[in-house]
Amino acid sequence: MSRPPGARLVLAAAVCLTVGGPVSAKDVPYLVGRVNDYASLLSPPDKDRIETKLRVFEEQTRAQVVVLTVDSLEGEALDAYSVRVAHTWKLGQKGTDNGVLFLVAKQDRQMRIEVGYGLEAKLTDAQSVRILDNLVRPRFRQGDFAGGVEAGIDAILGTVRGEDAIPTGPAPSSSGDVSQAGWGFKLAFFSIYALVIGVFSILALFSSGGMSWVLWLFLMPFHL
């Protein structure tokens, strides 16, 4: 795994699910490979599979993509830490700045894609945000951390290759939350409708004369 000096990475995308705390200096962990799972989000087979994808990608394109998961940022700002990690690890090829860091902080519920200058045209800020929002975060919400990391990696690699690897629609719902919320609203609305309109319908049914006609005329638009 090549790690020449001088690689410089800048901000590509950030998705922060919580507000960061006060700044502190968190240690940069040792670079053990293309997948550095210090938060233990991946099983050994998952890690080996993603590692292989990243190795093949680097051999084919010379671009370097590295995963880092940490349990906590320990109060340090996400953007500052990701830049410091990228500088310390010297990601990408010298003179091309073609490195990408995919960072996940589990306890802080934050994640970030840090992209080098040499890949900014291929992996833009907007694309990075869509990868995190549409592919990674929904799986994380389901507790599928390995699936989220791998989906994010697949989209990063595909996008850098020029493929249409990112969904254009809204992020998928997690465990049917959206549909369940929709049915809950409909049920509540129908219950209120049935209660209120039902009372007036009974009054109209048992009323006589002009009052009955007035009630039926009042209820007709609601029934329609």
C-alpha atoms as a PDB file:
ATOM      1  CA  MET A   1       0.000   0.000   0.000  1.00  0.00           C
ATOM      2  CA  SER A   2       1.663   3.206  -1.165  1.00  0.00           C
ATOM      3  CA  ARG A   3       1.754   6.133   1.242  1.00  0.00           C
ATOM      4  CA  PRO A   4       4.104   8.734  -0.291  1.00  0.00           C
ATOM      5  CA  PRO A   5       4.611  12.022   1.595  1.00  0.00           C
ATOM      6  CA  GLY A   6       3.145  15.361   0.651  1.00  0.00           C
ATOM      7  CA  ALA A   7      -0.444  14.279  -0.014  1.00  0.00           C
ATOM      8  CA  ARG A   8      -2.876  17.009   0.926  1.00  0.00           C
ATOM      9  CA  LEU A   9      -6.602  16.496   1.339  1.00  0.00           C
ATOM     10  CA  VAL A  10      -9.375  19.027   1.778  1.00  0.00           C
ATOM     11  CA  LEU A  11     -13.023  18.985   2.753  1.00  0.00           C
ATOM     12  CA  ALA A  12     -15.356  17.032   0.511  1.00  0.00           C
ATOM     13  CA  ALA A  13     -18.478  16.300   2.503  1.00  0.00           C
ATOM     14  CA  ALA A  14     -19.645  16.167   6.083  1.00  0.00           C
ATOM     15  CA  VAL A  15     -22.812  14.764   7.589  1.00  0.00           C
ATOM     16  CA  CYS A  16     -23.034  15.507  11.319  1.00  0.00           C
ATOM     17  CA  LEU A  17     -25.900  13.878  13.188  1.00  0.00           C
ATOM     18  CA  THR A  18     -24.957  15.535  16.483  1.00  0.00           C
ATOM     19  CA  VAL A  19     -23.291  18.792  17.458  1.00  0.00           C
ATOM     20  CA  GLY A  20     -19.568  18.406  18.191  1.00  0.00           C
ATOM     21  CA  GLY A  21     -18.206  19.199  21.623  1.00  0.00           C
ATOM     22  CA  PRO A  22     -15.167  21.216  22.575  1.00  0.00           C
ATOM     23  CA  VAL A  23     -12.027  20.776  20.511  1.00  0.00           C
ATOM     24  CA  SER A  24      -9.397  18.394  21.842  1.00  0.00           C
ATOM     25  CA  ALA A  25      -6.508  16.508  20.295  1.00  0.00           C
ATOM     26  CA  LYS A  26      -7.500  12.928  19.611  1.00  0.00           C
ATOM     27  CA  ASP A  27      -4.678  10.584  18.699  1.00  0.00           C
ATOM     28  CA  VAL A  28      -4.472   9.464  15.086  1.00  0.00           C
ATOM     29  CA  PRO A  29      -4.490   5.652  15.084  1.00  0.00           C
ATOM     30  CA  TYR A  30      -1.920   3.552  13.291  1.00  0.00           C
ATOM     31  CA  LEU A  31      -2.601   2.874   9.617  1.00  0.00           C
ATOM     32  CA  VAL A  32      -2.928  -0.898   9.458  1.00  0.00           C
ATOM     33  CA  GLY A  33      -4.332  -1.223   5.934  1.00  0.00           C
ATOM     34  CA  ARG A  34      -7.043   0.087   3.654  1.00  0.00           C
ATOM     35  CA  VAL A  35      -9.681  -0.819   6.255  1.00  0.00           C
ATOM     36  CA  ASN A  36      -8.927   0.446   9.763  1.00  0.00           C
ATOM     37  CA  ASP A  37     -11.874  -0.687  11.875  1.00  0.00           C
ATOM     38  CA  TYR A  38     -11.068   0.641  15.340  1.00  0.00           C
ATOM     39  CA  ALA A  39     -14.777   0.788  16.261  1.00  0.00           C
ATOM     40  CA  SER A  40     -15.275  -2.939  15.478  1.00  0.00           C
ATOM     41  CA  LEU A  41     -18.132  -2.318  13.055  1.00  0.00           C
ATOM     42  CA  LEU A  42     -17.035  -5.034  10.619  1.00  0.00           C
ATOM     43  CA  SER A  43     -16.732  -8.782  10.884  1.00  0.00           C
ATOM     44  CA  PRO A  44     -13.514 -10.372   9.563  1.00  0.00           C
ATOM     45  CA  PRO A  45     -15.213 -11.496   6.313  1.00  0.00           C
ATOM     46  CA  ASP A  46     -16.665  -8.013   5.795  1.00  0.00           C
ATOM     47  CA  LYS A  47     -13.300  -6.410   6.411  1.00  0.00           C
ATOM     48  CA  ASP A  48     -11.491  -8.783   4.048  1.00  0.00           C
ATOM     49  CA  ARG A  49     -14.072  -8.242   1.296  1.00  0.00           C
ATOM     50  CA  ILE A  50     -13.869  -4.435   1.503  1.00  0.00           C
ATOM     51  CA  GLU A  51     -10.076  -4.555   1.769  1.00  0.00           C
ATOM     52  CA  THR A  52      -9.944  -6.585  -1.458  1.00  0.00           C
ATOM     53  CA  LYS A  53     -12.203  -4.121  -3.274  1.00  0.00           C
ATOM     54  CA  LEU A  54     -10.009  -1.214  -2.238  1.00  0.00           C
ATOM     55  CA  ARG A  55      -6.803  -3.021  -3.202  1.00  0.00           C
ATOM     56  CA  VAL A  56      -8.103  -3.910  -6.671  1.00  0.00           C
ATOM     57  CA  PHE A  57      -9.390  -0.368  -7.140  1.00  0.00           C
ATOM     58  CA  GLU A  58      -6.014   1.121  -6.208  1.00  0.00           C
ATOM     59  CA  GLU A  59      -4.195  -1.243  -8.572  1.00  0.00           C
ATOM     60  CA  GLN A  60      -6.519  -0.291 -11.428  1.00  0.00           C
ATOM     61  CA  THR A  61      -6.782   3.475 -10.894  1.00  0.00           C
ATOM     62  CA  ARG A  62      -3.808   4.396  -8.659  1.00  0.00           C
ATOM     63  CA  ALA A  63      -6.327   6.292  -6.472  1.00  0.00           C
ATOM     64  CA  GLN A  64      -6.254   5.366  -2.802  1.00  0.00           C
ATOM     65  CA  VAL A  65      -9.412   4.980  -0.697  1.00  0.00           C
ATOM     66  CA  VAL A  66      -9.085   4.187   3.007  1.00  0.00           C
ATOM     67  CA  VAL A  67     -11.714   3.472   5.677  1.00  0.00           C
ATOM     68  CA  LEU A  68     -11.356   4.537   9.296  1.00  0.00           C
ATOM     69  CA  THR A  69     -13.906   3.802  12.017  1.00  0.00           C
ATOM     70  CA  VAL A  70     -13.417   5.134  15.538  1.00  0.00           C
ATOM     71  CA  ASP A  71     -15.568   4.720  18.599  1.00  0.00           C
ATOM     72  CA  SER A  72     -15.522   8.438  19.468  1.00  0.00           C
ATOM     73  CA  LEU A  73     -13.924  11.701  18.387  1.00  0.00           C
ATOM     74  CA  GLU A  74     -13.344  12.496  22.067  1.00  0.00           C
ATOM     75  CA  GLY A  75     -14.573  16.052  21.634  1.00  0.00           C
ATOM     76  CA  GLU A  76     -12.577  16.944  18.530  1.00  0.00           C
ATOM     77  CA  ALA A  77     -14.349  18.484  15.551  1.00  0.00           C
ATOM     78  CA  LEU A  78     -15.052  16.005  12.753  1.00  0.00           C
ATOM     79  CA  ASP A  79     -13.547  18.077   9.950  1.00  0.00           C
ATOM     80  CA  ALA A  80     -10.379  18.893  11.864  1.00  0.00           C
ATOM     81  CA  TYR A  81      -9.817  15.268  12.812  1.00  0.00           C
ATOM     82  CA  SER A  82     -10.415  13.894   9.319  1.00  0.00           C
ATOM     83  CA  VAL A  83      -7.958  16.377   7.790  1.00  0.00           C
ATOM     84  CA  ARG A  84      -5.373  15.540  10.451  1.00  0.00           C
ATOM     85  CA  VAL A  85      -5.780  11.820   9.813  1.00  0.00           C
ATOM     86  CA  ALA A  86      -5.413  12.307   6.055  1.00  0.00           C
ATOM     87  CA  HIS A  87      -2.256  14.397   6.519  1.00  0.00           C
ATOM     88  CA  THR A  88      -0.753  11.977   9.022  1.00  0.00           C
ATOM     89  CA  TRP A  89      -1.440   8.951   6.865  1.00  0.00           C
ATOM     90  CA  LYS A  90      -0.310  10.771   3.686  1.00  0.00           C
ATOM     91  CA  LEU A  91      -3.087   9.300   1.581  1.00  0.00           C
ATOM     92  CA  GLY A  92      -2.918   9.330  -2.204  1.00  0.00           C
ATOM     93  CA  GLN A  93      -0.113   9.434  -4.734  1.00  0.00           C
ATOM     94  CA  LYS A  94       2.549  12.114  -4.554  1.00  0.00           C
ATOM     95  CA  GLY A  95       1.877  14.890  -7.045  1.00  0.00           C
ATOM     96  CA  THR A  96      -1.686  13.751  -7.804  1.00  0.00           C
ATOM     97  CA  ASP A  97      -3.385  14.078  -4.395  1.00  0.00           C
ATOM     98  CA  ASN A  98      -5.785  11.275  -5.269  1.00  0.00           C
ATOM     99  CA  GLY A  99      -6.662   9.968  -1.819  1.00  0.00           C
ATOM    100  CA  VAL A 100     -10.039   9.544  -0.111  1.00  0.00           C
ATOM    101  CA  LEU A 101     -10.722   8.992   3.579  1.00  0.00           C
ATOM    102  CA  PHE A 102     -14.092   7.517   4.623  1.00  0.00           C
ATOM    103  CA  LEU A 103     -14.380   8.272   8.345  1.00  0.00           C
ATOM    104  CA  VAL A 104     -17.069   6.990  10.731  1.00  0.00           C
ATOM    105  CA  ALA A 105     -17.299   7.982  14.410  1.00  0.00           C
ATOM    106  CA  LYS A 106     -19.765   5.513  15.914  1.00  0.00           C
ATOM    107  CA  GLN A 107     -20.636   7.014  19.304  1.00  0.00           C
ATOM    108  CA  ASP A 108     -20.719  10.566  17.929  1.00  0.00           C
ATOM    109  CA  ARG A 109     -22.953   9.418  15.050  1.00  0.00           C
ATOM    110  CA  GLN A 110     -20.898  11.394  12.573  1.00  0.00           C
ATOM    111  CA  MET A 111     -19.340  10.446   9.248  1.00  0.00           C
ATOM    112  CA  ARG A 112     -17.349  12.178   6.582  1.00  0.00           C
ATOM    113  CA  ILE A 113     -15.780  11.679   3.169  1.00  0.00           C
ATOM    114  CA  GLU A 114     -12.496  13.563   2.817  1.00  0.00           C
ATOM    115  CA  VAL A 115     -11.404  13.941  -0.800  1.00  0.00           C
ATOM    116  CA  GLY A 116      -8.016  14.970  -2.194  1.00  0.00           C
ATOM    117  CA  TYR A 117      -7.592  17.721  -4.780  1.00  0.00           C
ATOM    118  CA  GLY A 118      -6.890  15.211  -7.511  1.00  0.00           C
ATOM    119  CA  LEU A 119     -10.302  13.545  -7.159  1.00  0.00           C
ATOM    120  CA  GLU A 120     -12.514  16.561  -6.450  1.00  0.00           C
ATOM    121  CA  ALA A 121     -13.726  16.698 -10.050  1.00  0.00           C
ATOM    122  CA  LYS A 122     -14.749  13.020  -9.922  1.00  0.00           C
ATOM    123  CA  LEU A 123     -16.135  12.921  -6.373  1.00  0.00           C
ATOM    124  CA  THR A 124     -17.762  16.255  -5.581  1.00  0.00           C
ATOM    125  CA  ASP A 125     -19.118  17.603  -2.306  1.00  0.00           C
ATOM    126  CA  ALA A 126     -22.696  17.046  -3.478  1.00  0.00           C
ATOM    127  CA  GLN A 127     -21.983  13.461  -4.493  1.00  0.00           C
ATOM    128  CA  SER A 128     -20.294  12.750  -1.173  1.00  0.00           C
ATOM    129  CA  VAL A 129     -23.297  14.042   0.756  1.00  0.00           C
ATOM    130  CA  ARG A 130     -25.672  11.945  -1.353  1.00  0.00           C
ATOM    131  CA  ILE A 131     -23.583   8.833  -0.703  1.00  0.00           C
ATOM    132  CA  LEU A 132     -23.772   9.384   3.039  1.00  0.00           C
ATOM    133  CA  ASP A 133     -27.439  10.420   3.119  1.00  0.00           C
ATOM    134  CA  ASN A 134     -28.896   7.952   0.610  1.00  0.00           C
ATOM    135  CA  LEU A 135     -26.725   4.885   1.089  1.00  0.00           C
ATOM    136  CA  VAL A 136     -24.834   4.878   4.379  1.00  0.00           C
ATOM    137  CA  ARG A 137     -27.030   6.534   6.972  1.00  0.00           C
ATOM    138  CA  PRO A 138     -30.215   4.497   6.281  1.00  0.00           C
ATOM    139  CA  ARG A 139     -28.286   1.248   6.838  1.00  0.00           C
ATOM    140  CA  PHE A 140     -26.632   2.605   9.971  1.00  0.00           C
ATOM    141  CA  ARG A 141     -30.084   3.432  11.353  1.00  0.00           C
ATOM    142  CA  GLN A 142     -31.035  -0.200  10.870  1.00  0.00           C
ATOM    143  CA  GLY A 143     -27.934  -1.294  12.770  1.00  0.00           C
ATOM    144  CA  ASP A 144     -26.320  -2.621   9.582  1.00  0.00           C
ATOM    145  CA  PHE A 145     -22.945  -0.923   9.979  1.00  0.00           C
ATOM    146  CA  ALA A 146     -21.082  -3.330   7.711  1.00  0.00           C
ATOM    147  CA  GLY A 147     -23.686  -2.882   4.985  1.00  0.00           C
ATOM    148  CA  GLY A 148     -23.505   0.884   5.334  1.00  0.00           C
ATOM    149  CA  VAL A 149     -19.730   1.015   5.126  1.00  0.00           C
ATOM    150  CA  GLU A 150     -19.635  -1.282   2.116  1.00  0.00           C
ATOM    151  CA  ALA A 151     -22.455   0.584   0.342  1.00  0.00           C
ATOM    152  CA  GLY A 152     -20.554   3.823   0.862  1.00  0.00           C
ATOM    153  CA  ILE A 153     -17.332   2.310  -0.433  1.00  0.00           C
ATOM    154  CA  ASP A 154     -19.035   0.823  -3.495  1.00  0.00           C
ATOM    155  CA  ALA A 155     -20.538   4.224  -4.320  1.00  0.00           C
ATOM    156  CA  ILE A 156     -17.225   6.024  -3.821  1.00  0.00           C
ATOM    157  CA  LEU A 157     -15.362   3.595  -6.068  1.00  0.00           C
ATOM    158  CA  GLY A 158     -18.095   3.605  -8.704  1.00  0.00           C
ATOM    159  CA  THR A 159     -18.331   7.395  -8.746  1.00  0.00           C
ATOM    160  CA  VAL A 160     -14.567   7.837  -9.120  1.00  0.00           C
ATOM    161  CA  ARG A 161     -14.680   5.361 -12.014  1.00  0.00           C
ATOM    162  CA  GLY A 162     -17.332   7.525 -13.677  1.00  0.00           C
ATOM    163  CA  GLU A 163     -20.238   5.190 -13.029  1.00  0.00           C
ATOM    164  CA  ASP A 164     -23.740   6.267 -12.004  1.00  0.00           C
ATOM    165  CA  ALA A 165     -23.411   4.713  -8.557  1.00  0.00           C
ATOM    166  CA  ILE A 166     -25.518   7.054  -6.389  1.00  0.00           C
ATOM    167  CA  PRO A 167     -29.337   6.991  -6.162  1.00  0.00           C
ATOM    168  CA  THR A 168     -30.898  10.274  -7.278  1.00  0.00           C
ATOM    169  CA  GLY A 169     -34.111   9.916  -5.280  1.00  0.00           C
ATOM    170  CA  PRO A 170     -34.714  10.471  -1.566  1.00  0.00           C
ATOM    171  CA  ALA A 171     -32.949   8.287   0.957  1.00  0.00           C
ATOM    172  CA  PRO A 172     -34.684   4.926   1.524  1.00  0.00           C
ATOM    173  CA  SER A 173     -36.618   4.557   4.750  1.00  0.00           C
ATOM    174  CA  SER A 174     -35.173   2.453   7.546  1.00  0.00           C
ATOM    175  CA  SER A 175     -37.250  -0.582   8.579  1.00  0.00           C
ATOM    176  CA  GLY A 176     -40.381   0.865   7.022  1.00  0.00           C
ATOM    177  CA  ASP A 177     -40.436   3.875   9.366  1.00  0.00           C
ATOM    178  CA  VAL A 178     -41.806   6.243   6.729  1.00  0.00           C
ATOM    179  CA  SER A 179     -44.644   3.965   5.616  1.00  0.00           C
ATOM    180  CA  GLN A 180     -45.567   3.147   9.197  1.00  0.00           C
ATOM    181  CA  ALA A 181     -45.695   6.832  10.087  1.00  0.00           C
ATOM    182  CA  GLY A 182     -47.906   7.459   7.060  1.00  0.00           C
ATOM    183  CA  TRP A 183     -50.375   4.751   8.056  1.00  0.00           C
ATOM    184  CA  GLY A 184     -50.391   6.023  11.633  1.00  0.00           C
ATOM    185  CA  PHE A 185     -51.352   9.504  10.471  1.00  0.00           C
ATOM    186  CA  LYS A 186     -54.086   8.137   8.215  1.00  0.00           C
ATOM    187  CA  LEU A 187     -55.498   6.021  11.036  1.00  0.00           C
ATOM    188  CA  ALA A 188     -55.546   8.962  13.450  1.00  0.00           C
ATOM    189  CA  PHE A 189     -57.183  11.221  10.859  1.00  0.00           C
ATOM    190  CA  PHE A 190     -59.833   8.633  10.025  1.00  0.00           C
ATOM    191  CA  SER A 191     -60.585   8.069  13.722  1.00  0.00           C
ATOM    192  CA  ILE A 192     -61.191  11.789  14.271  1.00  0.00           C
ATOM    193  CA  TYR A 193     -63.248  11.983  11.099  1.00  0.00           C
ATOM    194  CA  ALA A 194     -65.382   9.010  12.076  1.00  0.00           C
ATOM    195  CA  LEU A 195     -65.982  10.350  15.585  1.00  0.00           C
ATOM    196  CA  VAL A 196     -66.922  13.914  14.631  1.00  0.00           C
ATOM    197  CA  ILE A 197     -68.822  13.176  11.439  1.00  0.00           C
ATOM    198  CA  GLY A 198     -70.438  10.127  13.030  1.00  0.00           C
ATOM    199  CA  VAL A 199     -71.926  12.223  15.833  1.00  0.00           C
ATOM    200  CA  PHE A 200     -73.378  14.766  13.397  1.00  0.00           C
ATOM    201  CA  SER A 201     -74.676  11.983  11.159  1.00  0.00           C
ATOM    202  CA  ILE A 202     -76.556  10.416  14.067  1.00  0.00           C
ATOM    203  CA  LEU A 203     -78.010  13.812  14.975  1.00  0.00           C
ATOM    204  CA  ALA A 204     -79.112  14.331  11.381  1.00  0.00           C
ATOM    205  CA  LEU A 205     -80.635  10.882  11.263  1.00  0.00           C
ATOM    206  CA  PHE A 206     -82.754  11.375  14.364  1.00  0.00           C
ATOM    207  CA  SER A 207     -83.574  15.058  13.837  1.00  0.00           C
ATOM    208  CA  SER A 208     -86.710  16.157  12.088  1.00  0.00           C
ATOM    209  CA  GLY A 209     -87.753  19.079   9.971  1.00  0.00           C
ATOM    210  CA  GLY A 210     -85.396  21.790   8.865  1.00  0.00           C
ATOM    211  CA  MET A 211     -82.647  20.875  11.351  1.00  0.00           C
ATOM    212  CA  SER A 212     -82.245  17.452   9.713  1.00  0.00           C
ATOM    213  CA  TRP A 213     -81.870  19.020   6.256  1.00  0.00           C
ATOM    214  CA  VAL A 214     -79.365  21.568   7.536  1.00  0.00           C
ATOM    215  CA  LEU A 215     -77.242  18.834   9.116  1.00  0.00           C
ATOM    216  CA  TRP A 216     -77.313  16.669   5.981  1.00  0.00           C
ATOM    217  CA  LEU A 217     -76.307  19.630   3.804  1.00  0.00           C
ATOM    218  CA  PHE A 218     -73.489  20.394   6.239  1.00  0.00           C
ATOM    219  CA  LEU A 219     -72.221  16.780   6.188  1.00  0.00           C
ATOM    220  CA  MET A 220     -72.504  16.186   2.425  1.00  0.00           C
ATOM    221  CA  PRO A 221     -69.142  17.812   1.446  1.00  0.00           C
ATOM    222  CA  PHE A 222     -67.315  15.807   4.109  1.00  0.00           C
ATOM    223  CA  HIS A 223     -68.822  12.525   2.895  1.00  0.00           C
ATOM    224  CA  LEU A 224     -67.938  13.377  -0.692  1.00  0.00           C
END
